[in-house]
Amino acid sequence: MINFASIWEGIADARPEADAAAHGAESHSWAEFDDRAARLAEALIQYGVGRDSKVALCLYNGFEYLEAEFAAFKNRAVPCNVNYRYLADELAYLFNNAEASVLFFDHSIADRILEVRDRCRDLRLLVQVGGDGVVDGAIGYEDLLAGHDPAPRIQRSGDDLWFLYTGGTTGNPKAVMWQHRDLIGNMSAHYSVIDRDVPATVDEAVVAAVEIHERRRVTRLLAAAPLMHGTSGISALQFLTQGGMVATLTNRSFDADELWTAVAEHRLTMLTIVGDAFARPMLASLDAAVDAGLPHDLSSLYQILSSGVMWSSESKQAFLAHKNMTLLDSLGSSEAVGFAAQVSRREMGSTTTARFTLGPNTVVLSDEGRAVEPGSGEVGRLANGGAIPLGYFRDEAKTAETFPTIDGKRWSIPGDYATVETDGTITLLGRGSVCINSGGEKIYPEEVEEALKSHPSVRDANVVGLSDDRWGQAVTAVVSIEDGHNISDSDLVGHARTRIAAYKTPKHVLRVPEIMRSPNGKTDYKWARATAEEMTRSEPE
């Protein structure tokens, strides 16, 4: 059956000299990628790693992340992403929840790993990436590779698993269980460039990848966001399966200048970003280069894909002013790929924020399970009925809630709310778990945030609901202002009222030097709420 490792091995045999991965200025061919992963797979076998063993990856972007993932796939083991910003208790929970037997970790977080390893009952092997020395009880990554020959190839299944841990906005992280065949089944758009259906066998997939190369349509992808998150993680899996290359950046905080340098050096064709958190510094770098008379080389780039948070119309227009390319604003989640999308190019006219065309397997359902009528103004939840995950690992109750069966059909309904316009497009409102109930009205933070961020003085904004005696919850904005700008709270709220209804606008505006976001650019609502509560407690009576 179709399987990531088997397909990638076939591509390595068919196109051994083609680029598979790049990190900074260095690149690895498909032959190197396969060889290093095979040696790592043999090492893992010596520690009992086989089918359904869990391999935790607490790593920054780099060759090691992709190689460790490939090695786990080769052994039919299950890679598990780990947020490298987690503290000890969060790490211990995740390792135990996943039943992880192997942990790959970056040397910079070794102290946290040592703090929790004795609390993790299943861990048998710790592999350290980087650093001048290896901590006690761990093995160095390169030492592990050097000590083993490549593992023999084996038969695998499309039912093999990949775990995507998602933090969500409440509770402990949960592992979304994706089968290989379902993630590959979501790749129909990638194979449309050669007029092929999604391959049903490994041989068909390898033939399709070679055909893409021959037509020079191969994607050279920059995973600008962390591979530990779905936006880059899923894209990397899928474009490697197409025979493409995945490049990553060396800087551990987002560096737009490095990004544009990588585009030119590696002739990258596509970028994955996370909304305006990435787009704004990228545009600032483009503008500064033009002003200096040394514009960045964008000649190879034909597409930017954004997912995870809203991508503003203003940013899209600014990119198109620099170059006419395809901007794909993709709406998905850890639990569903391809909910909806918006495509923008110069010739298509104006761009919009949070307006999408539904994917072929997506509908908007009311809480009662019926399809929302276009133009009715009714709010419903996005539901995907295509190739979807099995559910959450070790959480039957949450699985039943998020993946219900309605009228005999199984759906993925993570909780994203939207309205359906008369033309069938949707307007995204946001995730219901962070919805604010103010005076009986439902208010979605993302909608308020985009209204605030459309003002040129606002660098970034988070919106939360704080307890309020009168309203139940009061809409509260935590904002950071551009350097050198001076705008009053009332003017900010007044601007927001030109974009959204007055009842949705903030009742409190709190200013901070910088908005805290997760490494992939997503909103950290836990931080925003805690910050807002602390700031309001310290305000004078």
Protein backbone atom coordinates (compact mmCIF):
# COMPACT_ATOMS: atom_id res chain seq x y z
CA MET A 1 0.00 0.00 0.00
CA ILE A 2 0.99 3.65 -0.44
CA ASN A 3 3.39 4.85 2.27
CA PHE A 4 5.67 7.87 2.71
CA ALA A 5 8.88 5.89 3.30
CA SER A 6 8.33 3.53 0.39
CA ILE A 7 7.58 6.39 -1.99
CA TRP A 8 10.60 8.39 -0.83
CA GLU A 9 12.86 5.35 -1.29
CA GLY A 10 11.55 4.99 -4.85
CA ILE A 11 12.21 8.67 -5.58
CA ALA A 12 15.76 8.32 -4.19
CA ASP A 13 16.35 5.40 -6.58
CA ALA A 14 14.85 7.21 -9.57
CA ARG A 15 16.32 10.70 -8.96
CA PRO A 16 19.34 10.15 -6.67
CA GLU A 17 21.14 13.38 -7.58
CA ALA A 18 18.10 15.67 -7.27
CA ASP A 19 17.93 17.95 -4.23
CA ALA A 20 15.82 16.64 -1.37
CA ALA A 21 16.62 19.03 1.49
CA ALA A 22 18.50 22.24 2.21
CA HIS A 23 19.37 24.01 5.44
CA GLY A 24 21.13 27.33 5.23
CA ALA A 25 23.66 27.14 2.39
CA GLU A 26 24.00 23.33 2.57
CA SER A 27 21.88 20.87 0.57
CA HIS A 28 21.45 17.08 0.52
CA SER A 29 20.53 14.96 -2.49
CA TRP A 30 17.81 12.34 -2.44
CA ALA A 31 20.52 9.66 -2.31
CA GLU A 32 22.06 11.30 0.79
CA PHE A 33 18.65 11.82 2.39
CA ASP A 34 17.77 8.14 1.94
CA ASP A 35 21.17 6.86 3.08
CA ARG A 36 21.30 8.92 6.27
CA ALA A 37 17.71 8.02 7.17
CA ALA A 38 18.41 4.32 6.50
CA ARG A 39 21.43 4.34 8.84
CA LEU A 40 19.35 6.04 11.48
CA ALA A 41 16.58 3.48 10.97
CA GLU A 42 19.03 0.63 11.58
CA ALA A 43 20.18 2.31 14.78
CA LEU A 44 16.58 2.59 15.96
CA ILE A 45 16.00 -1.09 15.24
CA GLN A 46 18.76 -1.90 17.73
CA TYR A 47 16.65 -0.16 20.38
CA GLY A 48 13.52 -2.11 19.53
CA VAL A 49 11.86 0.58 17.39
CA GLY A 50 9.38 -1.05 15.04
CA ARG A 51 5.78 -0.84 13.98
CA ASP A 52 3.77 1.65 16.07
CA SER A 53 6.74 2.64 18.26
CA LYS A 54 6.53 6.36 19.02
CA VAL A 55 9.49 8.58 18.12
CA ALA A 56 9.32 12.08 19.62
CA LEU A 57 10.98 14.96 17.75
CA CYS A 58 11.80 17.92 19.98
CA LEU A 59 13.87 19.66 17.30
CA TYR A 60 14.29 22.93 15.49
CA ASN A 61 14.14 22.97 11.70
CA GLY A 62 17.04 21.24 9.99
CA PHE A 63 18.17 18.09 8.19
CA GLU A 64 17.81 16.08 11.38
CA TYR A 65 14.07 16.66 11.67
CA LEU A 66 13.32 15.30 8.19
CA GLU A 67 15.84 12.45 8.49
CA ALA A 68 14.50 11.28 11.86
CA GLU A 69 10.97 11.38 10.47
CA PHE A 70 12.04 9.35 7.40
CA ALA A 71 13.88 6.84 9.63
CA ALA A 72 10.79 6.34 11.79
CA PHE A 73 8.65 5.82 8.68
CA LYS A 74 11.15 3.24 7.38
CA ASN A 75 10.60 1.16 10.54
CA ARG A 76 6.81 1.72 10.48
CA ALA A 77 7.19 3.76 13.67
CA VAL A 78 5.20 6.90 14.45
CA PRO A 79 6.93 10.32 14.49
CA CYS A 80 5.49 12.69 17.10
CA ASN A 81 6.09 16.45 16.91
CA VAL A 82 7.06 18.21 20.15
CA ASN A 83 6.92 21.94 20.78
CA TYR A 84 10.45 22.93 21.79
CA ARG A 85 9.07 25.79 23.85
CA TYR A 86 7.29 23.46 26.26
CA LEU A 87 8.45 23.44 29.86
CA ALA A 88 9.17 20.35 31.93
CA ASP A 89 5.63 19.42 32.97
CA GLU A 90 4.30 19.89 29.43
CA LEU A 91 7.11 17.77 27.99
CA ALA A 92 6.59 15.00 30.53
CA TYR A 93 2.86 14.93 29.78
CA LEU A 94 3.41 14.67 26.04
CA PHE A 95 6.12 11.99 26.20
CA ASN A 96 3.96 9.85 28.49
CA ASN A 97 0.79 10.48 26.53
CA ALA A 98 2.54 9.44 23.31
CA GLU A 99 4.20 6.43 24.99
CA ALA A 100 7.40 7.65 23.31
CA SER A 101 10.30 5.18 23.35
CA VAL A 102 12.79 7.44 21.50
CA LEU A 103 13.40 11.16 21.83
CA PHE A 104 15.41 13.33 19.46
CA PHE A 105 16.16 16.67 21.13
CA ASP A 106 18.16 19.80 20.40
CA HIS A 107 21.17 20.41 22.63
CA SER A 108 19.87 23.84 23.65
CA ILE A 109 16.99 22.28 25.61
CA ALA A 110 18.99 19.46 27.19
CA ASP A 111 18.40 20.80 30.71
CA ARG A 112 14.62 20.40 30.33
CA ILE A 113 15.02 16.91 28.90
CA LEU A 114 17.23 15.82 31.80
CA GLU A 115 14.67 17.23 34.22
CA VAL A 116 11.87 15.01 32.92
CA ARG A 117 13.48 11.83 31.56
CA ASP A 118 13.06 9.89 34.80
CA ARG A 119 9.36 10.74 34.78
CA CYS A 120 8.85 9.23 31.32
CA ARG A 121 8.24 5.54 31.71
CA ASP A 122 8.73 4.42 28.10
CA LEU A 123 11.82 6.40 27.01
CA ARG A 124 14.67 4.04 26.05
CA LEU A 125 16.83 6.19 23.80
CA LEU A 126 17.76 9.88 23.92
CA VAL A 127 19.43 11.32 20.80
CA GLN A 128 21.03 14.75 21.05
CA VAL A 129 21.33 16.98 18.00
CA GLY A 130 24.17 19.54 18.01
CA GLY A 131 26.21 20.92 20.87
CA ASP A 132 29.88 20.66 21.84
CA GLY A 133 29.31 17.68 24.08
CA VAL A 134 26.60 15.08 24.66
CA VAL A 135 24.75 15.02 27.98
CA ASP A 136 24.89 11.95 30.19
CA GLY A 137 22.52 9.22 29.10
CA ALA A 138 22.16 10.46 25.49
CA ILE A 139 23.83 9.55 22.19
CA GLY A 140 25.01 12.12 19.68
CA TYR A 141 23.02 12.18 16.44
CA GLU A 142 26.00 11.95 14.08
CA ASP A 143 27.61 9.26 16.25
CA LEU A 144 24.45 7.18 15.95
CA LEU A 145 24.51 7.45 12.14
CA ALA A 146 28.22 6.71 11.84
CA GLY A 147 27.92 3.48 13.84
CA HIS A 148 25.37 1.75 11.61
CA ASP A 149 24.92 0.47 8.06
CA PRO A 150 21.68 1.28 6.20
CA ALA A 151 18.66 -0.73 7.30
CA PRO A 152 17.20 -3.16 4.74
CA ARG A 153 13.98 -2.05 3.11
CA ILE A 154 10.71 -3.63 4.21
CA GLN A 155 7.07 -3.80 3.18
CA ARG A 156 4.88 -1.14 4.76
CA SER A 157 1.24 -0.08 4.85
CA GLY A 158 -0.81 2.99 4.06
CA ASP A 159 -2.33 2.50 7.51
CA ASP A 160 0.96 3.47 9.19
CA LEU A 161 0.62 6.56 11.36
CA TRP A 162 1.97 10.09 11.74
CA PHE A 163 1.09 12.00 14.92
CA LEU A 164 0.46 15.74 14.89
CA TYR A 165 0.26 17.05 18.43
CA THR A 166 -1.91 20.14 18.60
CA GLY A 167 -1.94 22.41 21.62
CA GLY A 168 -5.29 23.96 20.86
CA THR A 169 -6.53 26.75 23.11
CA THR A 170 -7.59 24.70 26.13
CA GLY A 171 -6.38 21.59 27.91
CA ASN A 172 -3.36 19.38 27.29
CA PRO A 173 -1.97 18.78 23.80
CA LYS A 174 -3.69 16.06 21.80
CA ALA A 175 -2.18 13.80 19.11
CA VAL A 176 -4.11 13.81 15.84
CA MET A 177 -3.66 10.36 14.28
CA TRP A 178 -3.11 10.65 10.53
CA GLN A 179 -2.71 7.55 8.37
CA HIS A 180 -0.22 7.88 5.51
CA ARG A 181 -2.83 7.10 2.89
CA ASP A 182 -5.11 9.88 4.14
CA LEU A 183 -2.40 12.56 4.10
CA ILE A 184 -1.37 11.41 0.63
CA GLY A 185 -5.04 11.32 -0.37
CA ASN A 186 -5.23 15.05 0.30
CA MET A 187 -2.62 15.76 -2.38
CA SER A 188 -4.95 15.90 -5.39
CA ALA A 189 -4.07 19.54 -6.15
CA HIS A 190 -0.36 18.67 -6.36
CA TYR A 191 -0.90 15.92 -8.92
CA SER A 192 -3.20 18.09 -11.07
CA VAL A 193 -0.09 19.69 -12.62
CA ILE A 194 0.47 16.43 -14.53
CA ASP A 195 -3.20 15.51 -15.02
CA ARG A 196 -2.96 12.48 -12.73
CA ASP A 197 -5.21 11.26 -9.99
CA VAL A 198 -3.73 10.66 -6.54
CA PRO A 199 -1.56 7.53 -6.93
CA ALA A 200 -2.94 4.34 -5.45
CA THR A 201 0.38 2.48 -5.28
CA VAL A 202 3.99 3.24 -4.49
CA ASP A 203 5.03 2.59 -8.10
CA GLU A 204 2.42 5.02 -9.40
CA ALA A 205 3.58 7.68 -6.94
CA VAL A 206 7.23 7.33 -8.01
CA VAL A 207 6.28 7.51 -11.69
CA ALA A 208 4.27 10.66 -10.98
CA ALA A 209 7.19 12.25 -9.10
CA VAL A 210 9.57 11.53 -11.99
CA GLU A 211 7.05 12.93 -14.46
CA ILE A 212 6.83 16.13 -12.42
CA HIS A 213 10.62 16.44 -12.56
CA GLU A 214 10.64 15.86 -16.33
CA ARG A 215 8.09 18.63 -16.78
CA ARG A 216 10.18 20.90 -14.54
CA ARG A 217 7.21 21.49 -12.26
CA VAL A 218 9.04 20.24 -9.18
CA THR A 219 8.44 22.33 -6.06
CA ARG A 220 11.41 23.71 -4.16
CA LEU A 221 9.66 24.56 -0.92
CA LEU A 222 10.82 26.80 1.90
CA ALA A 223 9.21 25.65 5.15
CA ALA A 224 9.46 29.05 6.84
CA ALA A 225 7.41 27.98 9.87
CA PRO A 226 8.63 25.25 12.25
CA LEU A 227 8.31 21.69 10.94
CA MET A 228 6.85 20.76 14.33
CA HIS A 229 3.62 22.53 13.33
CA GLY A 230 1.13 21.41 10.73
CA THR A 231 1.56 24.27 8.26
CA SER A 232 5.16 23.34 7.44
CA GLY A 233 5.01 19.74 8.66
CA ILE A 234 2.23 18.60 6.35
CA SER A 235 3.53 20.65 3.41
CA ALA A 236 6.99 19.09 3.79
CA LEU A 237 5.56 15.55 3.77
CA GLN A 238 3.45 16.21 0.73
CA PHE A 239 6.03 18.02 -1.39
CA LEU A 240 8.70 15.42 -0.67
CA THR A 241 6.18 12.85 -1.84
CA GLN A 242 5.92 14.85 -5.06
CA GLY A 243 9.70 14.52 -5.45
CA GLY A 244 10.40 18.10 -4.45
CA MET A 245 12.90 19.73 -2.12
CA VAL A 246 12.28 21.13 1.36
CA ALA A 247 14.48 23.99 2.57
CA THR A 248 14.63 25.38 6.11
CA LEU A 249 16.18 28.46 7.72
CA THR A 250 19.01 28.38 10.23
CA ASN A 251 17.92 31.32 12.40
CA ARG A 252 15.79 30.19 15.33
CA SER A 253 13.71 33.34 15.32
CA PHE A 254 12.13 34.36 12.06
CA ASP A 255 14.53 36.37 9.88
CA ALA A 256 12.93 37.77 6.73
CA ASP A 257 16.28 38.77 5.22
CA GLU A 258 17.51 35.19 5.58
CA LEU A 259 14.32 33.96 3.95
CA TRP A 260 14.79 36.09 0.83
CA THR A 261 18.47 35.11 0.65
CA ALA A 262 17.45 31.43 0.72
CA VAL A 263 14.90 32.01 -2.06
CA ALA A 264 17.65 33.35 -4.32
CA GLU A 265 20.39 30.87 -3.34
CA HIS A 266 18.27 27.72 -3.69
CA ARG A 267 15.98 28.95 -6.49
CA LEU A 268 12.96 28.26 -4.30
CA THR A 269 9.58 28.15 -5.99
CA MET A 270 7.18 28.14 -3.04
CA LEU A 271 7.02 29.41 0.53
CA THR A 272 4.83 28.29 3.43
CA ILE A 273 4.17 31.05 5.94
CA VAL A 274 1.68 31.78 8.72
CA GLY A 275 -0.31 34.92 7.88
CA ASP A 276 0.77 38.44 8.72
CA ALA A 277 3.08 37.31 11.53
CA PHE A 278 5.44 36.28 8.73
CA ALA A 279 4.13 38.46 5.91
CA ARG A 280 4.75 41.83 7.55
CA PRO A 281 8.49 41.38 8.21
CA MET A 282 8.87 39.78 4.78
CA LEU A 283 7.32 42.83 3.13
CA ALA A 284 9.42 45.19 5.23
CA SER A 285 12.54 43.37 4.01
CA LEU A 286 11.37 43.57 0.39
CA ASP A 287 10.64 47.30 0.69
CA ALA A 288 13.97 48.04 2.37
CA ALA A 289 15.87 46.18 -0.34
CA VAL A 290 14.08 48.13 -3.08
CA ASP A 291 14.76 51.42 -1.29
CA ALA A 292 18.45 50.51 -1.10
CA GLY A 293 18.56 49.81 -4.83
CA LEU A 294 19.32 46.10 -4.27
CA PRO A 295 15.95 44.32 -4.61
CA HIS A 296 15.70 40.68 -3.57
CA ASP A 297 15.68 38.13 -6.40
CA LEU A 298 12.15 36.72 -6.64
CA SER A 299 12.51 35.31 -10.16
CA SER A 300 12.16 31.64 -9.11
CA LEU A 301 9.19 32.19 -6.79
CA TYR A 302 5.73 31.44 -8.11
CA GLN A 303 3.62 30.77 -5.00
CA ILE A 304 3.29 31.72 -1.33
CA LEU A 305 1.01 29.54 0.79
CA SER A 306 -0.27 30.73 4.14
CA SER A 307 -2.22 28.73 6.69
CA GLY A 308 -2.92 28.78 10.40
CA VAL A 309 -4.02 32.39 10.95
CA MET A 310 -5.72 35.09 8.95
CA TRP A 311 -3.73 36.70 6.13
CA SER A 312 -4.79 40.29 5.53
CA SER A 313 -5.86 41.71 2.19
CA GLU A 314 -3.38 44.55 2.63
CA SER A 315 -0.41 42.16 2.89
CA LYS A 316 -1.55 40.18 -0.14
CA GLN A 317 -1.82 43.33 -2.22
CA ALA A 318 1.65 44.39 -1.11
CA PHE A 319 3.18 41.07 -2.21
CA LEU A 320 1.48 41.31 -5.60
CA ALA A 321 2.91 44.82 -6.01
CA HIS A 322 6.39 43.29 -5.79
CA LYS A 323 5.66 40.36 -8.12
CA ASN A 324 2.66 38.80 -9.81
CA MET A 325 2.54 35.32 -8.32
CA THR A 326 -0.06 33.01 -6.83
CA LEU A 327 -0.98 33.67 -3.22
CA LEU A 328 -2.78 30.69 -1.71
CA ASP A 329 -4.55 31.45 1.57
CA SER A 330 -5.34 27.93 2.78
CA LEU A 331 -7.86 27.22 5.50
CA GLY A 332 -7.19 23.99 7.35
CA SER A 333 -6.37 22.60 10.75
CA SER A 334 -4.46 19.80 12.40
CA GLU A 335 -7.64 17.73 12.13
CA ALA A 336 -8.50 18.49 8.49
CA VAL A 337 -6.61 19.49 5.35
CA GLY A 338 -8.23 21.64 2.67
CA PHE A 339 -11.30 23.13 4.35
CA ALA A 340 -11.25 26.08 1.97
CA ALA A 341 -8.89 28.41 0.13
CA GLN A 342 -8.55 31.82 -1.47
CA VAL A 343 -6.33 32.33 -4.51
CA SER A 344 -5.03 35.79 -5.36
CA ARG A 345 -3.19 37.12 -8.43
CA ARG A 346 -2.95 40.59 -9.93
CA GLU A 347 -5.33 39.82 -12.78
CA MET A 348 -7.98 38.57 -10.35
CA GLY A 349 -8.55 42.04 -8.93
CA SER A 350 -8.96 42.90 -5.27
CA THR A 351 -8.02 40.55 -2.45
CA THR A 352 -10.00 39.96 0.72
CA THR A 353 -9.39 38.94 4.32
CA ALA A 354 -10.96 35.73 5.69
CA ARG A 355 -13.09 35.05 2.57
CA PHE A 356 -12.69 31.56 1.12
CA THR A 357 -14.01 29.13 -1.47
CA LEU A 358 -14.99 25.82 0.10
CA GLY A 359 -12.99 22.71 -0.74
CA PRO A 360 -14.72 19.83 -2.54
CA ASN A 361 -15.24 17.85 0.67
CA THR A 362 -16.28 20.73 2.95
CA VAL A 363 -19.67 22.02 4.04
CA VAL A 364 -20.84 24.42 6.75
CA LEU A 365 -23.10 22.68 9.25
CA SER A 366 -25.38 24.11 11.90
CA ASP A 367 -25.17 22.82 15.46
CA GLU A 368 -28.11 20.57 14.54
CA GLY A 369 -26.13 18.98 11.70
CA ARG A 370 -27.89 20.55 8.69
CA ALA A 371 -26.21 22.52 5.91
CA VAL A 372 -26.27 26.30 6.42
CA GLU A 373 -28.21 28.12 3.69
CA PRO A 374 -26.14 30.58 1.62
CA GLY A 375 -26.96 34.20 2.37
CA SER A 376 -28.96 33.36 5.48
CA GLY A 377 -26.46 34.97 7.87
CA GLU A 378 -26.59 31.83 10.01
CA VAL A 379 -23.32 30.83 11.68
CA GLY A 380 -22.18 27.25 11.28
CA ARG A 381 -19.11 25.07 11.72
CA LEU A 382 -16.79 23.95 8.93
CA ALA A 383 -17.01 20.20 8.37
CA ASN A 384 -14.67 18.16 6.18
CA GLY A 385 -15.78 14.76 4.96
CA GLY A 386 -12.80 13.79 2.80
CA ALA A 387 -9.63 11.98 3.87
CA ILE A 388 -9.56 12.76 7.59
CA PRO A 389 -7.66 11.46 10.66
CA LEU A 390 -8.59 8.44 12.72
CA GLY A 391 -9.08 10.70 15.74
CA TYR A 392 -7.07 11.67 18.82
CA PHE A 393 -4.67 9.19 20.38
CA ARG A 394 -5.97 7.87 23.71
CA ASP A 395 -8.93 10.29 23.82
CA GLU A 396 -12.14 8.59 22.73
CA ALA A 397 -14.41 11.31 24.12
CA LYS A 398 -12.69 14.14 22.25
CA THR A 399 -12.52 11.99 19.12
CA ALA A 400 -16.26 11.41 19.21
CA GLU A 401 -16.83 15.15 19.66
CA THR A 402 -14.55 16.34 16.86
CA PHE A 403 -15.12 13.49 14.39
CA PRO A 404 -18.87 12.79 14.62
CA THR A 405 -20.88 10.59 12.31
CA ILE A 406 -23.90 12.49 10.93
CA ASP A 407 -26.47 10.71 8.79
CA GLY A 408 -24.04 7.84 8.25
CA LYS A 409 -21.08 10.01 7.19
CA ARG A 410 -18.00 10.70 9.31
CA TRP A 411 -16.84 14.33 9.50
CA SER A 412 -13.96 16.33 10.92
CA ILE A 413 -15.42 19.36 12.77
CA PRO A 414 -12.66 21.03 14.84
CA GLY A 415 -14.79 24.08 15.68
CA ASP A 416 -14.09 26.77 13.06
CA TYR A 417 -17.15 28.97 12.61
CA ALA A 418 -18.18 30.70 9.39
CA THR A 419 -21.10 32.20 7.50
CA VAL A 420 -21.98 31.26 3.92
CA GLU A 421 -22.41 34.12 1.44
CA THR A 422 -24.94 34.13 -1.39
CA ASP A 423 -22.26 33.14 -3.92
CA GLY A 424 -21.32 30.08 -1.87
CA THR A 425 -18.07 31.47 -0.50
CA ILE A 426 -17.58 31.61 3.25
CA THR A 427 -16.47 34.28 5.69
CA LEU A 428 -14.38 32.77 8.45
CA LEU A 429 -15.23 33.97 11.94
CA GLY A 430 -12.82 31.93 14.06
CA ARG A 431 -12.49 29.03 16.46
CA GLY A 432 -15.43 28.58 18.78
CA SER A 433 -13.25 27.62 21.76
CA VAL A 434 -11.99 31.23 22.00
CA CYS A 435 -15.32 32.84 21.12
CA ILE A 436 -16.27 35.74 23.41
CA ASN A 437 -19.82 35.99 24.79
CA SER A 438 -20.47 39.66 25.51
CA GLY A 439 -23.98 40.68 26.43
CA GLY A 440 -25.31 37.52 24.80
CA GLU A 441 -23.57 38.24 21.48
CA LYS A 442 -20.95 35.85 20.12
CA ILE A 443 -17.78 37.66 19.06
CA TYR A 444 -14.86 35.93 17.34
CA PRO A 445 -11.43 37.29 18.34
CA GLU A 446 -9.87 36.89 14.88
CA GLU A 447 -12.42 39.23 13.34
CA VAL A 448 -11.67 41.97 15.89
CA GLU A 449 -7.91 41.43 15.59
CA GLU A 450 -7.97 41.90 11.83
CA ALA A 451 -10.02 45.09 12.18
CA LEU A 452 -7.42 46.50 14.58
CA LYS A 453 -4.41 45.35 12.55
CA SER A 454 -5.74 47.05 9.43
CA HIS A 455 -4.71 50.35 11.02
CA PRO A 456 -1.13 51.27 9.99
CA SER A 457 -0.18 52.13 13.59
CA VAL A 458 -0.95 48.62 14.89
CA ARG A 459 1.91 46.14 14.61
CA ASP A 460 -0.02 43.22 16.10
CA ALA A 461 -3.05 42.48 18.26
CA ASN A 462 -4.67 39.74 20.33
CA VAL A 463 -8.26 39.88 21.54
CA VAL A 464 -9.71 37.98 24.50
CA GLY A 465 -12.82 38.12 26.66
CA LEU A 466 -12.36 39.08 30.30
CA SER A 467 -14.97 38.56 32.99
CA ASP A 468 -17.24 41.58 33.33
CA ASP A 469 -20.15 42.17 35.74
CA ARG A 470 -22.23 43.94 33.12
CA TRP A 471 -21.41 42.12 29.87
CA GLY A 472 -20.44 38.66 31.12
CA GLN A 473 -17.27 39.05 29.07
CA ALA A 474 -15.74 42.29 27.87
CA VAL A 475 -13.88 42.38 24.56
CA THR A 476 -10.29 43.24 25.52
CA ALA A 477 -7.53 44.02 23.02
CA VAL A 478 -3.84 43.53 23.75
CA VAL A 479 -2.00 45.55 21.12
CA SER A 480 1.53 46.51 20.13
CA ILE A 481 2.02 49.81 18.31
CA GLU A 482 4.55 50.54 15.57
CA ASP A 483 7.60 52.48 16.72
CA GLY A 484 7.15 56.22 16.39
CA HIS A 485 3.36 56.02 16.04
CA ASN A 486 1.01 57.76 18.44
CA ILE A 487 -2.68 56.88 18.42
CA SER A 488 -5.28 57.07 21.16
CA ASP A 489 -7.40 54.18 22.35
CA SER A 490 -10.54 55.92 21.17
CA ASP A 491 -9.11 56.39 17.69
CA LEU A 492 -8.18 52.72 17.54
CA VAL A 493 -11.68 51.67 18.55
CA GLY A 494 -13.12 54.20 16.11
CA HIS A 495 -11.09 52.68 13.29
CA ALA A 496 -12.28 49.19 14.21
CA ARG A 497 -15.87 50.43 14.02
CA THR A 498 -15.34 51.18 10.32
CA ARG A 499 -14.62 47.47 9.78
CA ILE A 500 -16.89 45.60 12.23
CA ALA A 501 -20.09 46.20 14.19
CA ALA A 502 -19.75 48.50 17.20
CA TYR A 503 -20.68 45.78 19.74
CA LYS A 504 -17.65 43.74 18.61
CA THR A 505 -15.10 46.49 19.19
CA PRO A 506 -12.87 46.45 22.29
CA LYS A 507 -14.11 47.84 25.57
CA HIS A 508 -10.52 47.83 26.84
CA VAL A 509 -7.26 48.45 24.96
CA LEU A 510 -4.05 47.30 26.65
CA ARG A 511 -0.65 48.11 25.19
CA VAL A 512 2.41 45.86 25.24
CA PRO A 513 5.82 46.17 23.54
CA GLU A 514 5.36 42.91 21.64
CA ILE A 515 2.65 40.31 21.12
CA MET A 516 3.73 36.81 22.13
CA ARG A 517 3.08 34.21 19.44
CA SER A 518 3.97 30.55 19.10
CA PRO A 519 7.00 29.73 16.91
CA ASN A 520 4.77 29.15 13.87
CA GLY A 521 3.15 32.59 14.20
CA LYS A 522 -0.14 31.41 15.69
CA THR A 523 -1.90 33.41 18.35
CA ASP A 524 -1.09 32.41 21.93
CA TYR A 525 -4.44 33.10 23.57
CA LYS A 526 -3.31 31.68 26.90
CA TRP A 527 -0.56 34.30 27.04
CA ALA A 528 -2.92 37.05 25.87
CA ARG A 529 -5.50 36.24 28.52
CA ALA A 530 -2.93 36.00 31.32
CA THR A 531 -1.35 39.28 30.22
CA ALA A 532 -4.69 41.06 30.01
CA GLU A 533 -5.76 39.78 33.44
CA GLU A 534 -2.47 40.87 35.01
CA MET A 535 -2.60 44.32 33.42
CA THR A 536 -6.20 44.95 34.46
CA ARG A 537 -5.46 43.84 38.03
CA SER A 538 -2.62 46.34 38.24
CA GLU A 539 -4.66 49.24 36.84
CA PRO A 540 -5.55 51.94 39.42
CA GLU A 541 -9.11 51.92 40.71
